[in-house]
Amino acid sequence: FAINGRSIRMTFSIVKMLFKEVCFLVAVVLSLGTCGTSEAWQACESYGLRLASVTSPADTNQIKVALNNVNAQYKWTFWIAGTDLGKYRSFRWITTNKEIWRPNLYLNWYPGEPNNARGNEYCIEVYQESANRWNDVDCNKRHGFVCQVENASC
């Protein structure tokens, strides 16, 4: 499919969570680099999915499993659906508009994060090689991304 005139191919790794009906699809952009959060959002939506909200250790583990299923050359950072664009240091999931620590009081920030180090870090990336911990970063940075589908049989 194409976003902003660029052709984007994705590889999906599907992981089924047995204790609740959620599947995460790890979308890795294979051509023309990667994309920012708005393009990641569009890509997920074009497949009828959502950019992933990570609300529990189980979610983090399932994303880790999915990312490990992706070809090793794609061990990057990936977009998830967290942002504080509306209110500084009040991160929310853009898919649900809920504060990121709700409903399960779960946070997975890398130590020292969020820090808005460059003064423009309003979106959340996950570091695949650091236990999928979160970092706040510029929303225009180019990454792969994690899509999620709920209430589906994977």
N, C-alpha and C. Protein backbone atom coordinates (compact mmCIF):
# COMPACT_ATOMS: atom_id res chain seq x y z
N PHE A 1 0.84 -1.18 0.00
CA PHE A 1 0.00 0.00 0.00
C PHE A 1 0.88 1.23 0.00
N ALA A 2 0.28 2.40 -0.20
CA ALA A 2 1.06 3.63 -0.28
C ALA A 2 0.57 4.63 0.77
N ILE A 3 1.51 5.33 1.37
CA ILE A 3 1.22 6.42 2.30
C ILE A 3 2.02 7.62 1.83
N ASN A 4 1.33 8.74 1.65
CA ASN A 4 1.99 9.96 1.18
C ASN A 4 2.81 9.69 -0.08
N GLY A 5 2.26 8.87 -0.97
CA GLY A 5 2.90 8.59 -2.23
C GLY A 5 4.04 7.60 -2.17
N ARG A 6 4.35 7.07 -0.99
CA ARG A 6 5.45 6.10 -0.85
C ARG A 6 4.88 4.71 -0.71
N SER A 7 5.46 3.78 -1.42
CA SER A 7 5.04 2.39 -1.30
C SER A 7 5.65 1.80 -0.04
N ILE A 8 4.81 1.16 0.77
CA ILE A 8 5.28 0.55 2.01
C ILE A 8 4.84 -0.90 2.05
N ARG A 9 5.82 -1.79 2.25
CA ARG A 9 5.52 -3.21 2.43
C ARG A 9 5.73 -3.54 3.89
N MET A 10 4.90 -4.41 4.42
CA MET A 10 5.04 -4.77 5.82
C MET A 10 5.09 -6.28 5.97
N THR A 11 5.82 -6.72 6.98
CA THR A 11 5.85 -8.12 7.39
C THR A 11 5.12 -8.21 8.71
N PHE A 12 4.21 -9.15 8.85
CA PHE A 12 3.44 -9.28 10.08
C PHE A 12 3.84 -10.53 10.84
N SER A 13 3.96 -10.39 12.12
CA SER A 13 4.16 -11.51 13.03
C SER A 13 2.95 -11.51 13.95
N ILE A 14 2.18 -12.57 13.93
CA ILE A 14 0.94 -12.62 14.69
C ILE A 14 1.13 -13.47 15.93
N VAL A 15 0.77 -12.92 17.07
CA VAL A 15 0.88 -13.62 18.34
C VAL A 15 -0.48 -13.62 19.00
N LYS A 16 -0.96 -14.77 19.38
CA LYS A 16 -2.25 -14.86 20.05
C LYS A 16 -2.03 -14.93 21.55
N MET A 17 -2.75 -14.08 22.28
CA MET A 17 -2.72 -14.12 23.73
C MET A 17 -3.84 -15.03 24.17
N LEU A 18 -3.52 -16.04 24.92
CA LEU A 18 -4.50 -17.05 25.27
C LEU A 18 -5.49 -16.61 26.32
N PHE A 19 -5.11 -15.67 27.19
CA PHE A 19 -5.98 -15.31 28.30
C PHE A 19 -6.84 -14.10 28.04
N LYS A 20 -6.66 -13.42 26.95
CA LYS A 20 -7.59 -12.39 26.53
C LYS A 20 -7.51 -12.26 25.02
N GLU A 21 -8.57 -11.79 24.43
CA GLU A 21 -8.64 -11.79 22.97
C GLU A 21 -7.99 -10.55 22.38
N VAL A 22 -6.69 -10.56 22.37
CA VAL A 22 -5.93 -9.48 21.76
C VAL A 22 -4.81 -10.12 20.96
N CYS A 23 -4.58 -9.61 19.78
CA CYS A 23 -3.46 -10.06 18.97
C CYS A 23 -2.63 -8.83 18.61
N PHE A 24 -1.34 -8.97 18.66
CA PHE A 24 -0.46 -7.90 18.23
C PHE A 24 0.16 -8.30 16.90
N LEU A 25 0.17 -7.38 15.96
CA LEU A 25 0.83 -7.61 14.70
C LEU A 25 1.99 -6.63 14.63
N VAL A 26 3.17 -7.14 14.52
CA VAL A 26 4.34 -6.29 14.44
C VAL A 26 4.54 -5.94 12.97
N ALA A 27 4.46 -4.65 12.68
CA ALA A 27 4.59 -4.21 11.31
C ALA A 27 5.98 -3.61 11.12
N VAL A 28 6.73 -4.20 10.25
CA VAL A 28 8.08 -3.71 9.97
C VAL A 28 8.09 -3.21 8.54
N VAL A 29 8.43 -1.95 8.37
CA VAL A 29 8.49 -1.38 7.04
C VAL A 29 9.76 -1.87 6.35
N LEU A 30 9.60 -2.52 5.22
CA LEU A 30 10.73 -3.15 4.55
C LEU A 30 11.31 -2.33 3.42
N SER A 31 10.60 -1.31 2.97
CA SER A 31 11.11 -0.54 1.84
C SER A 31 11.02 0.95 2.13
N LEU A 32 11.89 1.71 1.50
CA LEU A 32 11.91 3.16 1.61
C LEU A 32 12.01 3.65 3.05
N GLY A 33 12.86 3.02 3.82
CA GLY A 33 13.05 3.44 5.20
C GLY A 33 11.89 3.04 6.08
N THR A 34 11.56 3.89 7.02
CA THR A 34 10.50 3.61 7.97
C THR A 34 9.57 4.81 8.01
N CYS A 35 8.70 4.89 9.01
CA CYS A 35 7.76 6.00 9.01
C CYS A 35 7.58 6.61 10.39
N GLY A 36 7.08 7.84 10.41
CA GLY A 36 6.76 8.53 11.66
C GLY A 36 5.45 8.03 12.22
N THR A 37 5.06 8.56 13.38
CA THR A 37 3.86 8.04 14.05
C THR A 37 2.59 8.24 13.24
N SER A 38 2.44 9.37 12.56
CA SER A 38 1.19 9.57 11.80
C SER A 38 1.09 8.57 10.66
N GLU A 39 2.21 8.26 10.01
CA GLU A 39 2.20 7.25 8.96
C GLU A 39 1.98 5.86 9.54
N ALA A 40 2.56 5.59 10.70
CA ALA A 40 2.35 4.29 11.35
C ALA A 40 0.87 4.12 11.69
N TRP A 41 0.26 5.18 12.21
CA TRP A 41 -1.17 5.17 12.52
C TRP A 41 -1.97 4.83 11.25
N GLN A 42 -1.66 5.53 10.15
CA GLN A 42 -2.36 5.31 8.88
C GLN A 42 -2.16 3.88 8.38
N ALA A 43 -0.95 3.37 8.51
CA ALA A 43 -0.67 2.01 8.04
C ALA A 43 -1.50 1.00 8.82
N CYS A 44 -1.53 1.13 10.14
CA CYS A 44 -2.34 0.21 10.95
C CYS A 44 -3.81 0.33 10.56
N GLU A 45 -4.31 1.56 10.45
CA GLU A 45 -5.71 1.79 10.10
C GLU A 45 -6.05 1.18 8.74
N SER A 46 -5.12 1.25 7.80
CA SER A 46 -5.40 0.73 6.45
C SER A 46 -5.63 -0.77 6.47
N TYR A 47 -5.13 -1.45 7.51
CA TYR A 47 -5.35 -2.88 7.67
C TYR A 47 -6.47 -3.19 8.66
N GLY A 48 -7.19 -2.15 9.10
CA GLY A 48 -8.26 -2.34 10.07
C GLY A 48 -7.74 -2.59 11.47
N LEU A 49 -6.52 -2.13 11.76
CA LEU A 49 -5.87 -2.35 13.05
C LEU A 49 -5.66 -1.01 13.75
N ARG A 50 -5.06 -1.06 14.94
CA ARG A 50 -4.73 0.15 15.68
C ARG A 50 -3.26 0.11 16.07
N LEU A 51 -2.65 1.28 16.16
CA LEU A 51 -1.32 1.35 16.73
C LEU A 51 -1.43 0.83 18.16
N ALA A 52 -0.50 0.03 18.61
CA ALA A 52 -0.63 -0.72 19.87
C ALA A 52 -0.58 0.14 21.12
N SER A 53 -1.48 -0.17 22.04
CA SER A 53 -1.46 0.35 23.41
C SER A 53 -0.94 -0.78 24.30
N VAL A 54 0.02 -0.48 25.15
CA VAL A 54 0.66 -1.50 25.98
C VAL A 54 0.29 -1.23 27.43
N THR A 55 -0.64 -2.01 27.97
CA THR A 55 -1.19 -1.69 29.28
C THR A 55 -0.88 -2.71 30.36
N SER A 56 0.00 -3.67 30.07
CA SER A 56 0.32 -4.68 31.08
C SER A 56 1.64 -5.36 30.74
N PRO A 57 2.25 -6.03 31.72
CA PRO A 57 3.45 -6.82 31.42
C PRO A 57 3.16 -7.91 30.40
N ALA A 58 1.94 -8.45 30.42
CA ALA A 58 1.58 -9.48 29.43
C ALA A 58 1.61 -8.91 28.02
N ASP A 59 1.10 -7.67 27.85
CA ASP A 59 1.17 -7.02 26.53
C ASP A 59 2.62 -6.87 26.09
N THR A 60 3.47 -6.40 27.00
CA THR A 60 4.89 -6.24 26.68
C THR A 60 5.51 -7.56 26.27
N ASN A 61 5.19 -8.62 26.98
CA ASN A 61 5.74 -9.93 26.65
C ASN A 61 5.26 -10.41 25.29
N GLN A 62 3.99 -10.21 24.98
CA GLN A 62 3.48 -10.65 23.69
C GLN A 62 4.11 -9.87 22.54
N ILE A 63 4.32 -8.58 22.75
CA ILE A 63 5.00 -7.79 21.72
C ILE A 63 6.45 -8.27 21.57
N LYS A 64 7.09 -8.58 22.69
CA LYS A 64 8.46 -9.11 22.64
C LYS A 64 8.51 -10.39 21.82
N VAL A 65 7.58 -11.29 22.05
CA VAL A 65 7.52 -12.54 21.28
C VAL A 65 7.33 -12.25 19.80
N ALA A 66 6.41 -11.33 19.50
CA ALA A 66 6.16 -10.99 18.10
C ALA A 66 7.39 -10.37 17.45
N LEU A 67 8.05 -9.45 18.16
CA LEU A 67 9.25 -8.82 17.60
C LEU A 67 10.36 -9.83 17.39
N ASN A 68 10.47 -10.80 18.28
CA ASN A 68 11.49 -11.83 18.12
C ASN A 68 11.23 -12.72 16.91
N ASN A 69 9.97 -12.76 16.45
CA ASN A 69 9.62 -13.54 15.26
C ASN A 69 9.96 -12.81 13.97
N VAL A 70 10.25 -11.52 14.08
CA VAL A 70 10.60 -10.72 12.90
C VAL A 70 12.06 -10.98 12.58
N ASN A 71 12.41 -10.96 11.32
CA ASN A 71 13.78 -11.18 10.88
C ASN A 71 14.76 -10.36 11.72
N ALA A 72 15.85 -10.96 12.13
CA ALA A 72 16.81 -10.33 13.04
C ALA A 72 17.35 -9.00 12.52
N GLN A 73 17.37 -8.79 11.22
CA GLN A 73 17.90 -7.53 10.70
C GLN A 73 17.02 -6.35 11.07
N TYR A 74 15.80 -6.59 11.56
CA TYR A 74 14.89 -5.51 11.91
C TYR A 74 14.82 -5.27 13.41
N LYS A 75 15.89 -5.49 14.14
CA LYS A 75 15.89 -5.24 15.59
C LYS A 75 16.11 -3.76 15.83
N TRP A 76 15.04 -3.01 15.68
CA TRP A 76 15.06 -1.57 15.81
C TRP A 76 14.23 -1.16 17.01
N THR A 77 13.89 0.12 16.98
CA THR A 77 12.86 0.62 17.87
C THR A 77 11.57 0.71 17.07
N PHE A 78 10.46 0.61 17.77
CA PHE A 78 9.15 0.57 17.11
C PHE A 78 8.19 1.55 17.78
N TRP A 79 7.29 2.11 16.98
CA TRP A 79 6.26 3.00 17.52
C TRP A 79 5.17 2.20 18.22
N ILE A 80 4.70 2.75 19.35
CA ILE A 80 3.44 2.33 19.95
C ILE A 80 2.58 3.59 20.06
N ALA A 81 1.38 3.47 20.58
CA ALA A 81 0.38 4.54 20.47
C ALA A 81 0.43 5.61 21.55
N GLY A 82 1.51 5.74 22.30
CA GLY A 82 1.56 6.74 23.37
C GLY A 82 2.04 8.10 22.89
N THR A 83 1.42 9.17 23.41
CA THR A 83 1.83 10.53 23.09
C THR A 83 1.45 11.48 24.22
N ASP A 84 2.20 12.58 24.32
CA ASP A 84 1.79 13.66 25.22
C ASP A 84 1.64 14.95 24.42
N LEU A 85 1.27 14.84 23.14
CA LEU A 85 1.10 16.01 22.28
C LEU A 85 0.05 16.98 22.82
N GLY A 86 -1.00 16.47 23.45
CA GLY A 86 -2.06 17.33 23.95
C GLY A 86 -1.69 18.07 25.22
N LYS A 87 -0.88 17.46 26.07
CA LYS A 87 -0.53 18.05 27.36
C LYS A 87 0.82 17.49 27.79
N TYR A 88 1.81 18.36 27.92
CA TYR A 88 3.17 17.95 28.24
C TYR A 88 3.21 17.06 29.48
N ARG A 89 3.92 15.94 29.36
CA ARG A 89 4.14 14.94 30.42
C ARG A 89 2.85 14.30 30.92
N SER A 90 1.82 14.37 30.11
CA SER A 90 0.58 13.66 30.42
C SER A 90 0.34 12.69 29.26
N PHE A 91 1.11 11.61 29.23
CA PHE A 91 1.05 10.68 28.12
C PHE A 91 -0.27 9.93 28.10
N ARG A 92 -0.81 9.78 26.90
CA ARG A 92 -2.07 9.07 26.67
C ARG A 92 -1.90 8.12 25.50
N TRP A 93 -2.76 7.10 25.48
CA TRP A 93 -2.83 6.22 24.31
C TRP A 93 -3.72 6.91 23.29
N ILE A 94 -3.21 7.19 22.10
CA ILE A 94 -4.01 7.89 21.10
C ILE A 94 -5.17 7.04 20.60
N THR A 95 -5.11 5.75 20.81
CA THR A 95 -6.18 4.87 20.36
C THR A 95 -7.38 4.88 21.29
N THR A 96 -7.17 5.18 22.57
CA THR A 96 -8.26 5.16 23.55
C THR A 96 -8.42 6.47 24.30
N ASN A 97 -7.47 7.37 24.19
CA ASN A 97 -7.41 8.64 24.92
C ASN A 97 -7.31 8.43 26.43
N LYS A 98 -6.89 7.25 26.87
CA LYS A 98 -6.69 6.99 28.30
C LYS A 98 -5.24 7.30 28.67
N GLU A 99 -5.04 7.76 29.92
CA GLU A 99 -3.68 7.97 30.39
C GLU A 99 -2.94 6.64 30.32
N ILE A 100 -1.65 6.69 29.99
CA ILE A 100 -0.96 5.43 29.70
C ILE A 100 -0.87 4.49 30.88
N TRP A 101 -0.94 4.99 32.08
CA TRP A 101 -0.83 4.10 33.23
C TRP A 101 -2.17 3.48 33.61
N ARG A 102 -3.24 3.84 32.95
CA ARG A 102 -4.54 3.25 33.24
C ARG A 102 -4.82 2.16 32.22
N PRO A 103 -5.54 1.13 32.49
CA PRO A 103 -6.26 0.88 33.72
C PRO A 103 -5.44 0.09 34.74
N ASN A 104 -4.27 -0.41 34.35
CA ASN A 104 -3.55 -1.36 35.21
C ASN A 104 -2.35 -0.77 35.94
N LEU A 105 -2.22 0.54 35.95
CA LEU A 105 -1.08 1.20 36.60
C LEU A 105 0.25 0.71 36.05
N TYR A 106 0.28 0.38 34.76
CA TYR A 106 1.47 -0.20 34.14
C TYR A 106 2.25 0.85 33.37
N LEU A 107 3.54 0.95 33.66
CA LEU A 107 4.47 1.79 32.91
C LEU A 107 5.71 0.96 32.63
N ASN A 108 6.36 1.22 31.50
CA ASN A 108 7.57 0.46 31.17
C ASN A 108 8.65 1.39 30.60
N TRP A 109 8.81 2.56 31.21
CA TRP A 109 9.80 3.52 30.75
C TRP A 109 11.23 3.00 30.97
N TYR A 110 12.10 3.32 30.03
CA TYR A 110 13.52 3.10 30.22
C TYR A 110 13.96 4.02 31.36
N PRO A 111 14.93 3.63 32.20
CA PRO A 111 15.34 4.50 33.31
C PRO A 111 15.68 5.91 32.82
N GLY A 112 15.16 6.92 33.52
CA GLY A 112 15.40 8.32 33.16
C GLY A 112 14.41 8.88 32.16
N GLU A 113 13.50 8.07 31.69
CA GLU A 113 12.49 8.51 30.72
C GLU A 113 11.13 8.62 31.41
N PRO A 114 10.22 9.42 30.88
CA PRO A 114 10.40 10.35 29.77
C PRO A 114 11.18 11.58 30.21
N ASN A 115 11.96 12.14 29.28
CA ASN A 115 12.78 13.29 29.66
C ASN A 115 12.69 14.47 28.69
N ASN A 116 12.01 14.31 27.56
CA ASN A 116 11.88 15.37 26.56
C ASN A 116 13.23 16.02 26.29
N ALA A 117 14.26 15.21 26.14
CA ALA A 117 15.65 15.68 26.05
C ALA A 117 15.88 16.71 24.95
N ARG A 118 15.22 16.58 23.84
CA ARG A 118 15.44 17.51 22.73
C ARG A 118 14.36 18.58 22.64
N GLY A 119 13.45 18.59 23.59
CA GLY A 119 12.39 19.60 23.60
C GLY A 119 11.27 19.34 22.62
N ASN A 120 11.31 18.20 21.92
CA ASN A 120 10.27 17.87 20.95
C ASN A 120 9.90 16.39 21.00
N GLU A 121 10.04 15.78 22.16
CA GLU A 121 9.83 14.33 22.29
C GLU A 121 8.44 14.05 22.85
N TYR A 122 7.48 13.86 21.95
CA TYR A 122 6.08 13.75 22.33
C TYR A 122 5.45 12.40 22.04
N CYS A 123 6.21 11.47 21.48
CA CYS A 123 5.66 10.15 21.15
C CYS A 123 6.51 9.07 21.81
N ILE A 124 5.95 7.85 21.88
CA ILE A 124 6.64 6.76 22.57
C ILE A 124 7.11 5.69 21.59
N GLU A 125 8.39 5.35 21.71
CA GLU A 125 8.97 4.23 20.98
C GLU A 125 9.31 3.14 21.98
N VAL A 126 9.36 1.89 21.50
CA VAL A 126 9.81 0.79 22.34
C VAL A 126 11.16 0.33 21.80
N TYR A 127 12.09 0.08 22.72
CA TYR A 127 13.40 -0.45 22.37
C TYR A 127 13.31 -1.97 22.39
N GLN A 128 13.45 -2.58 21.25
CA GLN A 128 13.36 -4.04 21.20
C GLN A 128 14.45 -4.70 22.02
N GLU A 129 15.64 -4.16 22.02
CA GLU A 129 16.77 -4.82 22.68
C GLU A 129 16.94 -4.42 24.14
N SER A 130 15.97 -3.72 24.71
CA SER A 130 16.06 -3.35 26.14
C SER A 130 14.78 -3.74 26.85
N ALA A 131 14.34 -4.96 26.65
CA ALA A 131 13.13 -5.48 27.28
C ALA A 131 11.90 -4.67 26.88
N ASN A 132 11.93 -4.11 25.68
CA ASN A 132 10.82 -3.33 25.15
C ASN A 132 10.43 -2.17 26.06
N ARG A 133 11.44 -1.55 26.65
CA ARG A 133 11.18 -0.37 27.48
C ARG A 133 10.87 0.83 26.58
N TRP A 134 10.21 1.82 27.16
CA TRP A 134 9.73 2.97 26.41
C TRP A 134 10.69 4.16 26.51
N ASN A 135 10.68 4.96 25.45
CA ASN A 135 11.43 6.21 25.39
C ASN A 135 10.54 7.25 24.73
N ASP A 136 10.58 8.49 25.23
CA ASP A 136 9.89 9.57 24.52
C ASP A 136 10.83 10.10 23.45
N VAL A 137 10.27 10.40 22.28
CA VAL A 137 11.09 10.75 21.13
C VAL A 137 10.27 11.61 20.17
N ASP A 138 10.95 12.29 19.27
CA ASP A 138 10.32 13.09 18.23
C ASP A 138 9.38 12.22 17.40
N CYS A 139 8.14 12.65 17.22
CA CYS A 139 7.12 11.87 16.50
C CYS A 139 7.45 11.67 15.02
N ASN A 140 8.36 12.47 14.49
CA ASN A 140 8.72 12.36 13.08
C ASN A 140 9.88 11.41 12.82
N LYS A 141 10.46 10.88 13.89
CA LYS A 141 11.55 9.91 13.74
C LYS A 141 11.02 8.72 12.94
N ARG A 142 11.89 8.06 12.21
CA ARG A 142 11.48 6.96 11.33
C ARG A 142 11.69 5.62 12.03
N HIS A 143 10.59 4.86 12.18
CA HIS A 143 10.64 3.57 12.87
C HIS A 143 9.72 2.57 12.20
N GLY A 144 9.89 1.32 12.58
CA GLY A 144 8.85 0.33 12.38
C GLY A 144 7.77 0.62 13.41
N PHE A 145 6.75 -0.20 13.47
CA PHE A 145 5.65 0.07 14.40
C PHE A 145 4.93 -1.21 14.74
N VAL A 146 4.15 -1.16 15.82
CA VAL A 146 3.40 -2.31 16.29
C VAL A 146 1.92 -2.00 16.17
N CYS A 147 1.21 -2.82 15.41
CA CYS A 147 -0.24 -2.70 15.29
C CYS A 147 -0.91 -3.72 16.19
N GLN A 148 -2.15 -3.47 16.53
CA GLN A 148 -2.88 -4.35 17.44
C GLN A 148 -4.30 -4.51 16.92
N VAL A 149 -4.83 -5.70 17.10
CA VAL A 149 -6.23 -5.95 16.80
C VAL A 149 -6.84 -6.60 18.03
N GLU A 150 -8.05 -6.16 18.39
CA GLU A 150 -8.71 -6.72 19.56
C GLU A 150 -9.94 -7.50 19.14
N ASN A 151 -10.33 -8.43 20.01
CA ASN A 151 -11.54 -9.22 19.81
C ASN A 151 -11.55 -9.90 18.45
N ALA A 152 -10.44 -10.50 18.13
CA ALA A 152 -10.33 -11.21 16.86
C ALA A 152 -9.79 -12.60 17.12
N SER A 153 -10.09 -13.50 16.23
CA SER A 153 -9.47 -14.82 16.34
C SER A 153 -8.26 -14.83 15.44
N CYS A 154 -7.12 -14.87 16.04
CA CYS A 154 -5.87 -14.81 15.26
C CYS A 154 -5.53 -16.20 14.81
